[in-house]
Amino acid sequence: MNKQNQRNKKSAQGFTIIEVVLVLAIAALIFLMVFIALPALQRGQRDTGRKNDVSTAVSALQTYLSNNRGNFTSINTTTFQKYIDRLSQYEPTDVVVNPPATTADTKKIYVYTLATCPASINAPGTLTYTVGSGGPRQAAVFTALENSGTGKEQVFCQNL
């Protein structure tokens, strides 16, 4: 009978402090890993949205060309706004056609008519962007990306 009482006492004792602290430490590590990975996932999602918006702007340019007999003679920011239905992260006023400055911004989409994307894009951190010359039915559309949170943005460009 004495052995049975000893077994009941051992099974009724519960968890030790060390076991509880160990479980809490493991849970804290899991939460820490999730919170470290979360900003990178959010940056990736925003960059994917920006790339989709550039594709939407290219489609709107194709529609503009179809409606205007294949030329960009009268296009400007105001006339192009009505061709952009909805961009996920931008207001229609954030799409700029043929701006004089070519410094990319993550809050804007730049459209250059009669141009093509350059063969090489500037290094991260230097957002000054030169667009090559193109034919009468060509255009380059670009925006800046966050580039994995390094603070050095890169440019994403797509040709029409």
C-alpha atoms as a PDB file:
ATOM      1  CA  MET A   1       0.000   0.000   0.000  1.00  0.00           C
ATOM      2  CA  ASN A   2       2.875   2.323   0.666  1.00  0.00           C
ATOM      3  CA  LYS A   3       4.174   1.964  -2.932  1.00  0.00           C
ATOM      4  CA  GLN A   4       0.748   2.870  -4.320  1.00  0.00           C
ATOM      5  CA  ASN A   5       0.617   6.089  -2.262  1.00  0.00           C
ATOM      6  CA  GLN A   6       4.042   7.076  -3.546  1.00  0.00           C
ATOM      7  CA  ARG A   7       2.889   6.562  -7.174  1.00  0.00           C
ATOM      8  CA  ASN A   8      -0.237   8.681  -6.587  1.00  0.00           C
ATOM      9  CA  LYS A   9       1.829  11.481  -5.047  1.00  0.00           C
ATOM     10  CA  LYS A  10       4.232  11.506  -8.032  1.00  0.00           C
ATOM     11  CA  SER A  11       1.412  11.588 -10.623  1.00  0.00           C
ATOM     12  CA  ALA A  12      -0.469  14.337  -8.763  1.00  0.00           C
ATOM     13  CA  GLN A  13       2.500  16.708  -8.511  1.00  0.00           C
ATOM     14  CA  GLY A  14       1.987  18.464 -11.925  1.00  0.00           C
ATOM     15  CA  PHE A  15       4.613  20.400 -13.899  1.00  0.00           C
ATOM     16  CA  THR A  16       7.835  21.687 -12.473  1.00  0.00           C
ATOM     17  CA  ILE A  17       8.872  25.322 -12.802  1.00  0.00           C
ATOM     18  CA  ILE A  18      11.624  24.363 -15.254  1.00  0.00           C
ATOM     19  CA  GLU A  19       9.133  22.626 -17.556  1.00  0.00           C
ATOM     20  CA  VAL A  20       6.808  25.655 -17.568  1.00  0.00           C
ATOM     21  CA  VAL A  21       9.667  28.088 -18.239  1.00  0.00           C
ATOM     22  CA  LEU A  22      10.938  25.859 -21.057  1.00  0.00           C
ATOM     23  CA  VAL A  23       7.516  25.779 -22.735  1.00  0.00           C
ATOM     24  CA  LEU A  24       7.171  29.567 -22.386  1.00  0.00           C
ATOM     25  CA  ALA A  25      10.656  30.089 -23.871  1.00  0.00           C
ATOM     26  CA  ILE A  26       9.808  27.913 -26.885  1.00  0.00           C
ATOM     27  CA  ALA A  27       6.520  29.799 -27.410  1.00  0.00           C
ATOM     28  CA  ALA A  28       8.381  33.126 -27.172  1.00  0.00           C
ATOM     29  CA  LEU A  29      10.870  31.982 -29.838  1.00  0.00           C
ATOM     30  CA  ILE A  30       8.042  30.997 -32.173  1.00  0.00           C
ATOM     31  CA  PHE A  31       6.332  34.381 -31.726  1.00  0.00           C
ATOM     32  CA  LEU A  32       9.656  36.171 -32.260  1.00  0.00           C
ATOM     33  CA  MET A  33      10.267  34.340 -35.539  1.00  0.00           C
ATOM     34  CA  VAL A  34       6.775  35.220 -36.769  1.00  0.00           C
ATOM     35  CA  PHE A  35       7.171  38.911 -35.916  1.00  0.00           C
ATOM     36  CA  ILE A  36      10.583  39.040 -37.602  1.00  0.00           C
ATOM     37  CA  ALA A  37       9.245  37.449 -40.807  1.00  0.00           C
ATOM     38  CA  LEU A  38       6.033  39.503 -40.962  1.00  0.00           C
ATOM     39  CA  PRO A  39       7.485  42.812 -42.283  1.00  0.00           C
ATOM     40  CA  ALA A  40       9.325  40.996 -45.079  1.00  0.00           C
ATOM     41  CA  LEU A  41       6.100  39.301 -46.117  1.00  0.00           C
ATOM     42  CA  GLN A  42       4.277  42.638 -46.111  1.00  0.00           C
ATOM     43  CA  ARG A  43       6.984  44.285 -48.246  1.00  0.00           C
ATOM     44  CA  GLY A  44       6.755  41.411 -50.708  1.00  0.00           C
ATOM     45  CA  GLN A  45       2.985  41.803 -50.932  1.00  0.00           C
ATOM     46  CA  ARG A  46       3.258  45.558 -51.532  1.00  0.00           C
ATOM     47  CA  ASP A  47       5.879  45.008 -54.243  1.00  0.00           C
ATOM     48  CA  THR A  48       3.663  42.405 -55.914  1.00  0.00           C
ATOM     49  CA  GLY A  49       0.816  44.936 -55.875  1.00  0.00           C
ATOM     50  CA  ARG A  50       3.079  47.566 -57.427  1.00  0.00           C
ATOM     51  CA  LYS A  51       4.107  45.162 -60.211  1.00  0.00           C
ATOM     52  CA  ASN A  52       0.441  44.359 -60.874  1.00  0.00           C
ATOM     53  CA  ASP A  53      -0.324  48.092 -61.018  1.00  0.00           C
ATOM     54  CA  VAL A  54       2.404  48.606 -63.626  1.00  0.00           C
ATOM     55  CA  SER A  55       0.816  45.805 -65.679  1.00  0.00           C
ATOM     56  CA  THR A  56      -2.564  47.523 -65.298  1.00  0.00           C
ATOM     57  CA  ALA A  57      -1.063  50.793 -66.534  1.00  0.00           C
ATOM     58  CA  VAL A  58       0.444  48.974 -69.552  1.00  0.00           C
ATOM     59  CA  SER A  59      -2.998  47.517 -70.347  1.00  0.00           C
ATOM     60  CA  ALA A  60      -4.514  50.999 -70.043  1.00  0.00           C
ATOM     61  CA  LEU A  61      -1.869  52.296 -72.466  1.00  0.00           C
ATOM     62  CA  GLN A  62      -2.826  49.587 -74.948  1.00  0.00           C
ATOM     63  CA  THR A  63      -6.453  50.653 -74.648  1.00  0.00           C
ATOM     64  CA  TYR A  64      -5.415  54.277 -75.153  1.00  0.00           C
ATOM     65  CA  LEU A  65      -3.516  53.329 -78.314  1.00  0.00           C
ATOM     66  CA  SER A  66      -6.523  51.403 -79.635  1.00  0.00           C
ATOM     67  CA  ASN A  67      -8.820  54.373 -79.058  1.00  0.00           C
ATOM     68  CA  ASN A  68      -6.403  56.949 -80.512  1.00  0.00           C
ATOM     69  CA  ARG A  69      -5.391  55.312 -83.779  1.00  0.00           C
ATOM     70  CA  GLY A  70      -2.128  53.954 -82.480  1.00  0.00           C
ATOM     71  CA  ASN A  71      -0.362  57.125 -81.422  1.00  0.00           C
ATOM     72  CA  PHE A  72       0.460  58.989 -78.238  1.00  0.00           C
ATOM     73  CA  THR A  73       0.216  62.510 -79.648  1.00  0.00           C
ATOM     74  CA  SER A  74      -2.394  63.859 -77.216  1.00  0.00           C
ATOM     75  CA  ILE A  75      -1.588  61.798 -74.116  1.00  0.00           C
ATOM     76  CA  ASN A  76      -0.882  63.505 -70.829  1.00  0.00           C
ATOM     77  CA  THR A  77      -1.571  62.735 -67.191  1.00  0.00           C
ATOM     78  CA  THR A  78      -5.119  64.134 -67.336  1.00  0.00           C
ATOM     79  CA  THR A  79      -6.195  62.315 -70.512  1.00  0.00           C
ATOM     80  CA  PHE A  80      -4.640  59.047 -69.354  1.00  0.00           C
ATOM     81  CA  GLN A  81      -6.399  59.046 -65.963  1.00  0.00           C
ATOM     82  CA  LYS A  82      -9.728  57.985 -67.453  1.00  0.00           C
ATOM     83  CA  TYR A  83      -8.103  54.819 -68.861  1.00  0.00           C
ATOM     84  CA  ILE A  84      -6.996  53.594 -65.465  1.00  0.00           C
ATOM     85  CA  ASP A  85      -9.946  51.959 -63.767  1.00  0.00           C
ATOM     86  CA  ARG A  86      -8.455  51.028 -60.454  1.00  0.00           C
ATOM     87  CA  LEU A  87      -4.977  50.462 -59.154  1.00  0.00           C
ATOM     88  CA  SER A  88      -4.578  48.642 -55.865  1.00  0.00           C
ATOM     89  CA  GLN A  89      -2.198  51.045 -54.117  1.00  0.00           C
ATOM     90  CA  TYR A  90      -2.472  54.276 -56.059  1.00  0.00           C
ATOM     91  CA  GLU A  91      -4.866  57.062 -56.749  1.00  0.00           C
ATOM     92  CA  PRO A  92      -5.268  57.846 -60.450  1.00  0.00           C
ATOM     93  CA  THR A  93      -3.371  61.090 -59.813  1.00  0.00           C
ATOM     94  CA  ASP A  94      -0.342  59.035 -58.764  1.00  0.00           C
ATOM     95  CA  VAL A  95       0.146  57.923 -62.372  1.00  0.00           C
ATOM     96  CA  VAL A  96       2.347  60.477 -64.115  1.00  0.00           C
ATOM     97  CA  VAL A  97       2.794  60.646 -67.893  1.00  0.00           C
ATOM     98  CA  ASN A  98       6.094  61.954 -69.295  1.00  0.00           C
ATOM     99  CA  PRO A  99       7.322  63.746 -66.157  1.00  0.00           C
ATOM    100  CA  PRO A 100      10.453  65.883 -66.514  1.00  0.00           C
ATOM    101  CA  ALA A 101      12.225  64.251 -63.559  1.00  0.00           C
ATOM    102  CA  THR A 102      13.009  60.553 -63.614  1.00  0.00           C
ATOM    103  CA  THR A 103      13.576  59.788 -59.949  1.00  0.00           C
ATOM    104  CA  ALA A 104      11.395  56.821 -59.031  1.00  0.00           C
ATOM    105  CA  ASP A 105       9.074  56.839 -56.034  1.00  0.00           C
ATOM    106  CA  THR A 106       7.190  53.917 -54.492  1.00  0.00           C
ATOM    107  CA  LYS A 107       4.065  56.093 -54.367  1.00  0.00           C
ATOM    108  CA  LYS A 108       3.897  56.809 -58.113  1.00  0.00           C
ATOM    109  CA  ILE A 109       3.770  55.053 -61.465  1.00  0.00           C
ATOM    110  CA  TYR A 110       5.692  56.724 -64.276  1.00  0.00           C
ATOM    111  CA  VAL A 111       4.692  56.390 -67.934  1.00  0.00           C
ATOM    112  CA  TYR A 112       7.127  57.452 -70.650  1.00  0.00           C
ATOM    113  CA  THR A 113       5.761  57.366 -74.171  1.00  0.00           C
ATOM    114  CA  LEU A 114       7.982  56.791 -77.210  1.00  0.00           C
ATOM    115  CA  ALA A 115      10.462  55.035 -74.908  1.00  0.00           C
ATOM    116  CA  THR A 116      11.603  51.587 -73.803  1.00  0.00           C
ATOM    117  CA  CYS A 117      13.027  50.279 -70.556  1.00  0.00           C
ATOM    118  CA  PRO A 118      16.820  50.355 -70.465  1.00  0.00           C
ATOM    119  CA  ALA A 119      18.783  47.129 -70.768  1.00  0.00           C
ATOM    120  CA  SER A 120      20.266  47.653 -67.304  1.00  0.00           C
ATOM    121  CA  ILE A 121      18.605  49.297 -64.340  1.00  0.00           C
ATOM    122  CA  ASN A 122      20.506  51.475 -61.889  1.00  0.00           C
ATOM    123  CA  ALA A 123      21.924  49.963 -58.743  1.00  0.00           C
ATOM    124  CA  PRO A 124      19.697  49.907 -55.655  1.00  0.00           C
ATOM    125  CA  GLY A 125      19.758  53.178 -53.797  1.00  0.00           C
ATOM    126  CA  THR A 126      20.273  55.327 -56.895  1.00  0.00           C
ATOM    127  CA  LEU A 127      16.770  55.990 -58.115  1.00  0.00           C
ATOM    128  CA  THR A 128      17.751  58.274 -60.969  1.00  0.00           C
ATOM    129  CA  TYR A 129      16.385  56.501 -64.008  1.00  0.00           C
ATOM    130  CA  THR A 130      17.124  57.004 -67.692  1.00  0.00           C
ATOM    131  CA  VAL A 131      14.593  55.743 -70.215  1.00  0.00           C
ATOM    132  CA  GLY A 132      15.868  54.683 -73.633  1.00  0.00           C
ATOM    133  CA  SER A 133      14.390  55.907 -76.876  1.00  0.00           C
ATOM    134  CA  GLY A 134      11.608  53.914 -78.481  1.00  0.00           C
ATOM    135  CA  GLY A 135       9.372  53.749 -81.490  1.00  0.00           C
ATOM    136  CA  PRO A 136       6.047  55.540 -82.031  1.00  0.00           C
ATOM    137  CA  ARG A 137       3.979  52.737 -80.459  1.00  0.00           C
ATOM    138  CA  GLN A 138       6.277  52.006 -77.533  1.00  0.00           C
ATOM    139  CA  ALA A 139       6.161  53.108 -73.936  1.00  0.00           C
ATOM    140  CA  ALA A 140       7.966  52.336 -70.694  1.00  0.00           C
ATOM    141  CA  VAL A 141       6.066  52.116 -67.410  1.00  0.00           C
ATOM    142  CA  PHE A 142       7.956  51.911 -64.134  1.00  0.00           C
ATOM    143  CA  THR A 143       7.777  52.320 -60.384  1.00  0.00           C
ATOM    144  CA  ALA A 144      10.099  51.824 -57.421  1.00  0.00           C
ATOM    145  CA  LEU A 145      10.021  48.690 -55.261  1.00  0.00           C
ATOM    146  CA  GLU A 146      10.918  48.405 -51.592  1.00  0.00           C
ATOM    147  CA  ASN A 147      13.504  45.663 -52.278  1.00  0.00           C
ATOM    148  CA  SER A 148      13.369  43.530 -49.146  1.00  0.00           C
ATOM    149  CA  GLY A 149      13.508  46.305 -46.600  1.00  0.00           C
ATOM    150  CA  THR A 150      17.145  47.257 -47.083  1.00  0.00           C
ATOM    151  CA  GLY A 151      16.135  50.880 -47.599  1.00  0.00           C
ATOM    152  CA  LYS A 152      17.628  50.762 -51.079  1.00  0.00           C
ATOM    153  CA  GLU A 153      14.791  50.724 -53.562  1.00  0.00           C
ATOM    154  CA  GLN A 154      14.916  49.174 -57.000  1.00  0.00           C
ATOM    155  CA  VAL A 155      13.012  50.076 -60.124  1.00  0.00           C
ATOM    156  CA  PHE A 156      10.548  47.759 -61.845  1.00  0.00           C
ATOM    157  CA  CYS A 157      10.009  48.612 -65.517  1.00  0.00           C
ATOM    158  CA  GLN A 158       7.726  47.090 -68.158  1.00  0.00           C
ATOM    159  CA  ASN A 159       7.601  47.863 -71.866  1.00  0.00           C
ATOM    160  CA  LEU A 160       4.439  48.275 -73.918  1.00  0.00           C
END
